């Protein structure tokens, strides 16, 4: 009987946790959360998933702004402002949990987690990007529909 120890190669690069991905999605928009998930996929050496995640994040962000653009302002005023960001944050965290949690945990066990300060520093540029993205999407929507 031999005692074999399973060895797992772990990249020296740090990963973003599910909570950090959720915080980025809440404060910076869905694309911000997708950006961190994409960065994780690159650490896990899955370039295809990294590209797809960015693409899906961009598509979801654009669709979100389009849907918001079609909701009448009177209806939007009745929805608490936190509902939409919390909704896409929870979706983003669940996707990260299902697709990356085990690999994230392996990295975190050996101290390969990104700093929360980095998340804090990235939130503001992504907020600005989301704001510009939203205005551009809504401007194009109004231009196309003549509204």
N, C-alpha and C. Protein backbone atom coordinates (compact mmCIF):
# COMPACT_ATOMS: atom_id res chain seq x y z
N UNK A 1 0.84 -1.17 0.00
CA UNK A 1 0.00 0.00 0.00
C UNK A 1 0.89 1.24 0.00
N UNK A 2 0.61 2.13 -0.91
CA UNK A 2 1.41 3.36 -0.99
C UNK A 2 0.57 4.55 -0.55
N UNK A 3 1.25 5.45 0.05
CA UNK A 3 0.59 6.69 0.46
C UNK A 3 0.94 7.76 -0.56
N UNK A 4 0.02 7.99 -1.46
CA UNK A 4 0.24 9.02 -2.47
C UNK A 4 -0.49 10.28 -2.05
N UNK A 5 0.17 11.35 -2.20
CA UNK A 5 -0.42 12.65 -1.87
C UNK A 5 -0.77 13.34 -3.18
N UNK A 6 -2.01 13.77 -3.25
CA UNK A 6 -2.45 14.48 -4.45
C UNK A 6 -1.85 15.88 -4.43
N UNK A 7 -1.18 16.23 -5.50
CA UNK A 7 -0.63 17.57 -5.60
C UNK A 7 -1.41 18.34 -6.65
N UNK A 8 -1.67 19.56 -6.33
CA UNK A 8 -2.41 20.43 -7.23
C UNK A 8 -1.52 21.63 -7.52
N UNK A 9 -1.34 21.90 -8.80
CA UNK A 9 -0.56 23.08 -9.18
C UNK A 9 -1.43 24.31 -9.01
N UNK A 10 -0.97 25.23 -8.20
CA UNK A 10 -1.71 26.47 -7.99
C UNK A 10 -0.84 27.62 -8.49
N UNK A 11 -1.45 28.44 -9.30
CA UNK A 11 -0.76 29.59 -9.86
C UNK A 11 -0.30 30.52 -8.74
N UNK A 12 0.84 31.18 -8.92
CA UNK A 12 1.28 32.13 -7.90
C UNK A 12 0.45 33.41 -7.90
N UNK A 13 -0.41 33.57 -8.90
CA UNK A 13 -1.24 34.77 -8.99
C UNK A 13 -2.40 34.69 -8.00
N UNK A 14 -2.87 35.85 -7.59
CA UNK A 14 -3.96 35.92 -6.62
C UNK A 14 -5.31 35.93 -7.34
N UNK A 15 -6.34 35.47 -6.62
CA UNK A 15 -7.69 35.41 -7.19
C UNK A 15 -8.63 36.34 -6.41
N UNK A 16 -9.74 36.63 -7.04
CA UNK A 16 -10.80 37.43 -6.44
C UNK A 16 -11.81 36.48 -5.82
N UNK A 17 -12.28 36.78 -4.62
CA UNK A 17 -13.25 35.91 -3.95
C UNK A 17 -14.66 36.18 -4.46
N UNK A 18 -15.57 35.28 -4.13
CA UNK A 18 -16.97 35.44 -4.53
C UNK A 18 -17.53 36.74 -3.94
N UNK A 19 -17.20 37.04 -2.69
CA UNK A 19 -17.66 38.28 -2.06
C UNK A 19 -17.12 39.52 -2.75
N UNK A 20 -15.86 39.47 -3.16
CA UNK A 20 -15.28 40.61 -3.87
C UNK A 20 -15.95 40.79 -5.23
N UNK A 21 -16.24 39.69 -5.90
CA UNK A 21 -16.94 39.76 -7.18
C UNK A 21 -18.32 40.38 -6.98
N UNK A 22 -19.01 39.97 -5.90
CA UNK A 22 -20.32 40.54 -5.60
C UNK A 22 -20.25 42.02 -5.30
N UNK A 23 -19.27 42.44 -4.52
CA UNK A 23 -19.11 43.86 -4.19
C UNK A 23 -18.86 44.68 -5.46
N UNK A 24 -18.00 44.16 -6.33
CA UNK A 24 -17.73 44.87 -7.58
C UNK A 24 -18.98 44.96 -8.44
N UNK A 25 -19.75 43.88 -8.50
CA UNK A 25 -20.97 43.90 -9.30
C UNK A 25 -21.96 44.91 -8.73
N UNK A 26 -22.11 44.94 -7.41
CA UNK A 26 -23.07 45.86 -6.78
C UNK A 26 -22.68 47.31 -7.05
N UNK A 27 -21.43 47.65 -6.79
CA UNK A 27 -21.01 49.05 -6.87
C UNK A 27 -20.59 49.48 -8.27
N UNK A 28 -20.04 48.56 -9.06
CA UNK A 28 -19.52 48.94 -10.37
C UNK A 28 -20.34 48.44 -11.54
N UNK A 29 -21.38 47.65 -11.28
CA UNK A 29 -22.23 47.13 -12.35
C UNK A 29 -21.85 45.71 -12.71
N UNK A 30 -22.72 45.06 -13.49
CA UNK A 30 -22.49 43.66 -13.85
C UNK A 30 -21.17 43.43 -14.59
N UNK A 31 -20.78 44.39 -15.43
CA UNK A 31 -19.54 44.20 -16.17
C UNK A 31 -18.34 44.17 -15.23
N UNK A 32 -18.40 44.95 -14.15
CA UNK A 32 -17.30 44.96 -13.18
C UNK A 32 -17.14 43.59 -12.52
N UNK A 33 -18.25 42.98 -12.15
CA UNK A 33 -18.20 41.63 -11.58
C UNK A 33 -17.68 40.63 -12.59
N UNK A 34 -18.14 40.76 -13.84
CA UNK A 34 -17.67 39.87 -14.90
C UNK A 34 -16.18 40.05 -15.14
N UNK A 35 -15.69 41.27 -15.00
CA UNK A 35 -14.27 41.55 -15.18
C UNK A 35 -13.43 40.76 -14.16
N UNK A 36 -13.87 40.77 -12.90
CA UNK A 36 -13.12 40.02 -11.87
C UNK A 36 -13.21 38.52 -12.11
N UNK A 37 -14.39 38.04 -12.51
CA UNK A 37 -14.51 36.61 -12.82
C UNK A 37 -13.60 36.24 -13.98
N UNK A 38 -13.52 37.12 -14.96
CA UNK A 38 -12.64 36.88 -16.10
C UNK A 38 -11.18 36.82 -15.66
N UNK A 39 -10.80 37.72 -14.76
CA UNK A 39 -9.43 37.71 -14.22
C UNK A 39 -9.14 36.38 -13.52
N UNK A 40 -10.13 35.86 -12.78
CA UNK A 40 -9.95 34.56 -12.12
C UNK A 40 -9.74 33.46 -13.16
N UNK A 41 -10.55 33.46 -14.20
CA UNK A 41 -10.40 32.43 -15.24
C UNK A 41 -9.01 32.48 -15.86
N UNK A 42 -8.44 33.67 -15.99
CA UNK A 42 -7.08 33.78 -16.52
C UNK A 42 -6.07 33.15 -15.56
N UNK A 43 -6.28 33.37 -14.26
CA UNK A 43 -5.41 32.74 -13.26
C UNK A 43 -5.54 31.22 -13.34
N UNK A 44 -6.77 30.74 -13.58
CA UNK A 44 -7.02 29.30 -13.68
C UNK A 44 -6.65 28.74 -15.05
N UNK A 45 -6.07 29.60 -15.88
CA UNK A 45 -5.60 29.24 -17.24
C UNK A 45 -6.73 28.74 -18.13
N UNK A 46 -7.86 29.41 -18.06
CA UNK A 46 -9.00 29.10 -18.92
C UNK A 46 -9.34 30.36 -19.72
N UNK A 47 -8.54 30.59 -20.76
CA UNK A 47 -8.68 31.81 -21.56
C UNK A 47 -10.04 31.90 -22.25
N UNK A 48 -10.55 30.77 -22.69
CA UNK A 48 -11.84 30.75 -23.38
C UNK A 48 -12.95 31.25 -22.45
N UNK A 49 -12.98 30.73 -21.23
CA UNK A 49 -14.00 31.16 -20.26
C UNK A 49 -13.80 32.62 -19.89
N UNK A 50 -12.55 33.08 -19.83
CA UNK A 50 -12.28 34.48 -19.50
C UNK A 50 -12.89 35.40 -20.55
N UNK A 51 -12.71 35.07 -21.82
CA UNK A 51 -13.27 35.89 -22.91
C UNK A 51 -14.79 35.84 -22.91
N UNK A 52 -15.34 34.64 -22.73
CA UNK A 52 -16.80 34.49 -22.73
C UNK A 52 -17.43 35.26 -21.57
N UNK A 53 -16.77 35.25 -20.43
CA UNK A 53 -17.30 35.95 -19.27
C UNK A 53 -17.36 37.45 -19.53
N UNK A 54 -16.32 38.00 -20.13
CA UNK A 54 -16.34 39.43 -20.46
C UNK A 54 -17.43 39.74 -21.47
N UNK A 55 -17.57 38.88 -22.47
CA UNK A 55 -18.59 39.09 -23.49
C UNK A 55 -19.99 39.04 -22.87
N UNK A 56 -20.25 38.03 -22.04
CA UNK A 56 -21.56 37.92 -21.40
C UNK A 56 -21.80 39.08 -20.44
N UNK A 57 -20.76 39.52 -19.75
CA UNK A 57 -20.90 40.67 -18.85
C UNK A 57 -21.26 41.93 -19.61
N UNK A 58 -20.62 42.14 -20.76
CA UNK A 58 -20.93 43.31 -21.59
C UNK A 58 -22.35 43.23 -22.14
N UNK A 59 -22.72 42.05 -22.60
CA UNK A 59 -24.07 41.86 -23.15
C UNK A 59 -25.13 42.07 -22.07
N UNK A 60 -24.92 41.49 -20.90
CA UNK A 60 -25.89 41.64 -19.81
C UNK A 60 -26.01 43.10 -19.38
N UNK A 61 -24.88 43.79 -19.29
CA UNK A 61 -24.89 45.20 -18.90
C UNK A 61 -25.68 46.03 -19.90
N UNK A 62 -25.43 45.80 -21.18
CA UNK A 62 -26.15 46.54 -22.22
C UNK A 62 -27.64 46.23 -22.16
N UNK A 63 -28.00 44.95 -22.03
CA UNK A 63 -29.41 44.58 -21.94
C UNK A 63 -30.07 45.18 -20.70
N UNK A 64 -29.36 45.22 -19.60
CA UNK A 64 -29.89 45.82 -18.38
C UNK A 64 -30.25 47.28 -18.61
N UNK A 65 -29.34 48.02 -19.22
CA UNK A 65 -29.62 49.44 -19.49
C UNK A 65 -30.76 49.60 -20.49
N UNK A 66 -30.83 48.73 -21.48
CA UNK A 66 -31.94 48.80 -22.45
C UNK A 66 -33.28 48.54 -21.77
N UNK A 67 -33.33 47.52 -20.92
CA UNK A 67 -34.57 47.21 -20.21
C UNK A 67 -34.97 48.38 -19.32
N UNK A 68 -34.01 48.93 -18.60
CA UNK A 68 -34.29 50.08 -17.74
C UNK A 68 -34.81 51.24 -18.58
N UNK A 69 -34.27 51.40 -19.78
CA UNK A 69 -34.70 52.47 -20.67
C UNK A 69 -36.15 52.33 -21.12
N UNK A 70 -36.66 51.12 -21.16
CA UNK A 70 -38.04 50.90 -21.58
C UNK A 70 -39.05 50.96 -20.43
N UNK A 71 -38.57 50.94 -19.21
CA UNK A 71 -39.47 51.01 -18.06
C UNK A 71 -39.89 52.47 -17.87
N UNK A 72 -41.19 52.73 -17.81
CA UNK A 72 -41.65 54.11 -17.60
C UNK A 72 -41.10 54.68 -16.29
N UNK A 73 -40.81 55.98 -16.30
CA UNK A 73 -40.22 56.62 -15.12
C UNK A 73 -41.12 56.49 -13.90
N UNK A 74 -42.43 56.53 -14.12
CA UNK A 74 -43.35 56.40 -12.98
C UNK A 74 -43.22 55.03 -12.31
N UNK A 75 -42.97 54.01 -13.11
CA UNK A 75 -42.77 52.66 -12.55
C UNK A 75 -41.42 52.56 -11.86
N UNK A 76 -40.39 53.16 -12.46
CA UNK A 76 -39.05 53.12 -11.85
C UNK A 76 -39.02 53.81 -10.49
N UNK A 77 -39.83 54.86 -10.35
CA UNK A 77 -39.86 55.60 -9.09
C UNK A 77 -40.43 54.75 -7.95
N UNK A 78 -41.24 53.75 -8.29
CA UNK A 78 -41.86 52.89 -7.27
C UNK A 78 -40.95 51.75 -6.82
N UNK A 79 -39.91 51.47 -7.61
CA UNK A 79 -38.98 50.39 -7.28
C UNK A 79 -37.86 50.97 -6.41
N UNK A 80 -37.62 50.40 -5.23
CA UNK A 80 -36.48 50.88 -4.43
C UNK A 80 -35.18 50.79 -5.24
N UNK A 81 -34.37 51.82 -5.16
CA UNK A 81 -33.16 51.91 -5.99
C UNK A 81 -32.18 50.76 -5.79
N UNK A 82 -32.24 50.11 -4.65
CA UNK A 82 -31.29 49.05 -4.34
C UNK A 82 -31.68 47.71 -4.97
N UNK A 83 -32.93 47.56 -5.40
CA UNK A 83 -33.42 46.27 -5.90
C UNK A 83 -32.64 45.78 -7.11
N UNK A 84 -32.43 46.63 -8.09
CA UNK A 84 -31.76 46.20 -9.33
C UNK A 84 -30.31 45.81 -9.06
N UNK A 85 -29.50 46.66 -8.37
CA UNK A 85 -28.11 46.24 -8.11
C UNK A 85 -28.00 44.98 -7.25
N UNK A 86 -28.87 44.84 -6.25
CA UNK A 86 -28.83 43.64 -5.41
C UNK A 86 -29.17 42.42 -6.24
N UNK A 87 -30.12 42.56 -7.15
CA UNK A 87 -30.52 41.42 -8.00
C UNK A 87 -29.36 40.93 -8.85
N UNK A 88 -28.71 41.84 -9.59
CA UNK A 88 -27.62 41.35 -10.44
C UNK A 88 -26.39 40.97 -9.63
N UNK A 89 -26.21 41.56 -8.45
CA UNK A 89 -25.11 41.14 -7.58
C UNK A 89 -25.30 39.69 -7.14
N UNK A 90 -26.53 39.35 -6.71
CA UNK A 90 -26.80 37.98 -6.27
C UNK A 90 -26.64 36.98 -7.41
N UNK A 91 -27.08 37.35 -8.60
CA UNK A 91 -26.90 36.48 -9.77
C UNK A 91 -25.42 36.28 -10.05
N UNK A 92 -24.66 37.35 -10.03
CA UNK A 92 -23.21 37.28 -10.30
C UNK A 92 -22.51 36.42 -9.25
N UNK A 93 -22.88 36.57 -7.99
CA UNK A 93 -22.25 35.78 -6.94
C UNK A 93 -22.59 34.30 -7.08
N UNK A 94 -23.81 34.00 -7.47
CA UNK A 94 -24.20 32.60 -7.65
C UNK A 94 -23.45 31.97 -8.82
N UNK A 95 -23.29 32.72 -9.90
CA UNK A 95 -22.52 32.21 -11.04
C UNK A 95 -21.08 31.96 -10.62
N UNK A 96 -20.50 32.90 -9.87
CA UNK A 96 -19.11 32.73 -9.40
C UNK A 96 -19.00 31.53 -8.46
N UNK A 97 -19.99 31.37 -7.58
CA UNK A 97 -19.99 30.24 -6.66
C UNK A 97 -20.00 28.92 -7.41
N UNK A 98 -20.89 28.81 -8.37
CA UNK A 98 -21.03 27.55 -9.11
C UNK A 98 -19.83 27.26 -10.01
N UNK A 99 -19.25 28.30 -10.59
CA UNK A 99 -18.21 28.05 -11.59
C UNK A 99 -16.77 28.17 -11.06
N UNK A 100 -16.56 28.89 -9.95
CA UNK A 100 -15.18 29.15 -9.52
C UNK A 100 -14.89 28.86 -8.05
N UNK A 101 -15.89 28.59 -7.25
CA UNK A 101 -15.71 28.52 -5.80
C UNK A 101 -14.60 27.57 -5.36
N UNK A 102 -14.59 26.35 -5.90
CA UNK A 102 -13.60 25.37 -5.44
C UNK A 102 -12.17 25.83 -5.75
N UNK A 103 -11.97 26.38 -6.93
CA UNK A 103 -10.63 26.86 -7.29
C UNK A 103 -10.25 28.09 -6.47
N UNK A 104 -11.21 28.97 -6.23
CA UNK A 104 -10.95 30.15 -5.40
C UNK A 104 -10.52 29.70 -4.00
N UNK A 105 -11.25 28.74 -3.43
CA UNK A 105 -10.93 28.27 -2.07
C UNK A 105 -9.53 27.67 -2.00
N UNK A 106 -9.12 26.93 -3.03
CA UNK A 106 -7.78 26.34 -3.04
C UNK A 106 -6.71 27.43 -3.03
N UNK A 107 -6.94 28.49 -3.79
CA UNK A 107 -5.98 29.59 -3.81
C UNK A 107 -5.97 30.33 -2.47
N UNK A 108 -7.14 30.56 -1.91
CA UNK A 108 -7.24 31.30 -0.65
C UNK A 108 -6.60 30.56 0.52
N UNK A 109 -6.63 29.23 0.49
CA UNK A 109 -6.02 28.43 1.57
C UNK A 109 -4.53 28.69 1.69
N UNK A 110 -3.90 29.03 0.59
CA UNK A 110 -2.46 29.30 0.64
C UNK A 110 -2.16 30.79 0.54
N UNK A 111 -3.17 31.61 0.82
CA UNK A 111 -2.97 33.05 0.88
C UNK A 111 -2.92 33.76 -0.46
N UNK A 112 -3.56 33.21 -1.45
CA UNK A 112 -3.52 33.81 -2.79
C UNK A 112 -4.83 34.53 -3.12
N UNK A 113 -5.28 35.38 -2.18
CA UNK A 113 -6.50 36.16 -2.37
C UNK A 113 -6.12 37.62 -2.63
N UNK A 114 -6.84 38.24 -3.54
CA UNK A 114 -6.60 39.66 -3.82
C UNK A 114 -7.01 40.50 -2.61
N UNK A 115 -6.46 41.67 -2.53
CA UNK A 115 -6.74 42.60 -1.44
C UNK A 115 -8.12 43.25 -1.61
N UNK A 116 -8.78 43.44 -0.48
CA UNK A 116 -10.06 44.17 -0.51
C UNK A 116 -9.82 45.62 -0.93
N UNK A 117 -8.64 46.14 -0.65
CA UNK A 117 -8.33 47.51 -1.05
C UNK A 117 -8.28 47.64 -2.56
N UNK A 118 -7.85 46.59 -3.23
CA UNK A 118 -7.85 46.62 -4.70
C UNK A 118 -9.28 46.71 -5.23
N UNK A 119 -10.18 45.98 -4.58
CA UNK A 119 -11.60 46.05 -4.96
C UNK A 119 -12.08 47.49 -4.79
N UNK A 120 -11.78 48.06 -3.63
CA UNK A 120 -12.19 49.44 -3.35
C UNK A 120 -11.64 50.40 -4.40
N UNK A 121 -10.39 50.21 -4.79
CA UNK A 121 -9.78 51.07 -5.79
C UNK A 121 -10.36 50.89 -7.19
N UNK A 122 -10.81 49.69 -7.50
CA UNK A 122 -11.38 49.43 -8.82
C UNK A 122 -12.84 49.85 -8.94
N UNK A 123 -13.53 49.97 -7.82
CA UNK A 123 -14.95 50.30 -7.86
C UNK A 123 -15.20 51.63 -8.57
N UNK A 124 -14.42 52.64 -8.27
CA UNK A 124 -14.68 53.97 -8.81
C UNK A 124 -14.51 54.06 -10.33
N UNK A 125 -13.45 53.50 -10.90
CA UNK A 125 -13.38 53.52 -12.37
C UNK A 125 -14.52 52.75 -13.02
N UNK A 126 -14.92 51.64 -12.40
CA UNK A 126 -16.03 50.87 -12.97
C UNK A 126 -17.37 51.58 -12.79
N UNK A 127 -17.52 52.35 -11.71
CA UNK A 127 -18.73 53.17 -11.55
C UNK A 127 -18.81 54.19 -12.69
N UNK A 128 -17.69 54.83 -12.97
CA UNK A 128 -17.65 55.82 -14.05
C UNK A 128 -17.95 55.15 -15.39
N UNK A 129 -17.37 53.98 -15.61
CA UNK A 129 -17.63 53.24 -16.86
C UNK A 129 -19.10 52.88 -16.97
N UNK A 130 -19.70 52.38 -15.88
CA UNK A 130 -21.11 52.00 -15.90
C UNK A 130 -21.99 53.22 -16.16
N UNK A 131 -21.65 54.34 -15.57
CA UNK A 131 -22.42 55.56 -15.78
C UNK A 131 -22.36 55.99 -17.24
N UNK A 132 -21.16 56.01 -17.80
CA UNK A 132 -21.01 56.38 -19.21
C UNK A 132 -21.71 55.38 -20.12
N UNK A 133 -21.57 54.11 -19.81
CA UNK A 133 -22.19 53.03 -20.59
C UNK A 133 -23.71 53.18 -20.57
N UNK A 134 -24.24 53.44 -19.38
CA UNK A 134 -25.69 53.60 -19.23
C UNK A 134 -26.21 54.79 -20.01
N UNK A 135 -25.54 55.93 -19.88
CA UNK A 135 -25.98 57.12 -20.62
C UNK A 135 -25.87 56.91 -22.12
N UNK A 136 -24.79 56.29 -22.57
CA UNK A 136 -24.63 56.04 -24.01
C UNK A 136 -25.72 55.10 -24.52
N UNK A 137 -26.01 54.05 -23.76
CA UNK A 137 -27.05 53.10 -24.16
C UNK A 137 -28.41 53.77 -24.21
N UNK A 138 -28.73 54.54 -23.19
CA UNK A 138 -30.03 55.22 -23.15
C UNK A 138 -30.12 56.31 -24.22
N UNK A 139 -29.02 57.00 -24.49
CA UNK A 139 -29.01 58.00 -25.56
C UNK A 139 -29.28 57.33 -26.90
N UNK A 140 -28.60 56.23 -27.18
CA UNK A 140 -28.82 55.51 -28.44
C UNK A 140 -30.25 54.98 -28.53
N UNK A 141 -30.76 54.49 -27.41
CA UNK A 141 -32.13 53.99 -27.39
C UNK A 141 -33.12 55.10 -27.73
N UNK A 142 -32.95 56.26 -27.12
CA UNK A 142 -33.84 57.39 -27.40
C UNK A 142 -33.67 57.88 -28.83
N UNK A 143 -32.45 57.86 -29.32
CA UNK A 143 -32.17 58.29 -30.70
C UNK A 143 -32.85 57.34 -31.70
N UNK A 144 -32.72 56.04 -31.46
CA UNK A 144 -33.29 55.04 -32.37
C UNK A 144 -34.82 55.06 -32.33
N UNK A 145 -35.37 55.19 -31.12
CA UNK A 145 -36.83 55.14 -30.99
C UNK A 145 -37.48 56.50 -31.22
N UNK A 146 -36.67 57.53 -31.34
CA UNK A 146 -37.21 58.87 -31.57
C UNK A 146 -37.82 59.50 -30.32
N UNK A 147 -37.48 58.95 -29.16
CA UNK A 147 -38.05 59.45 -27.90
C UNK A 147 -37.15 60.38 -27.27
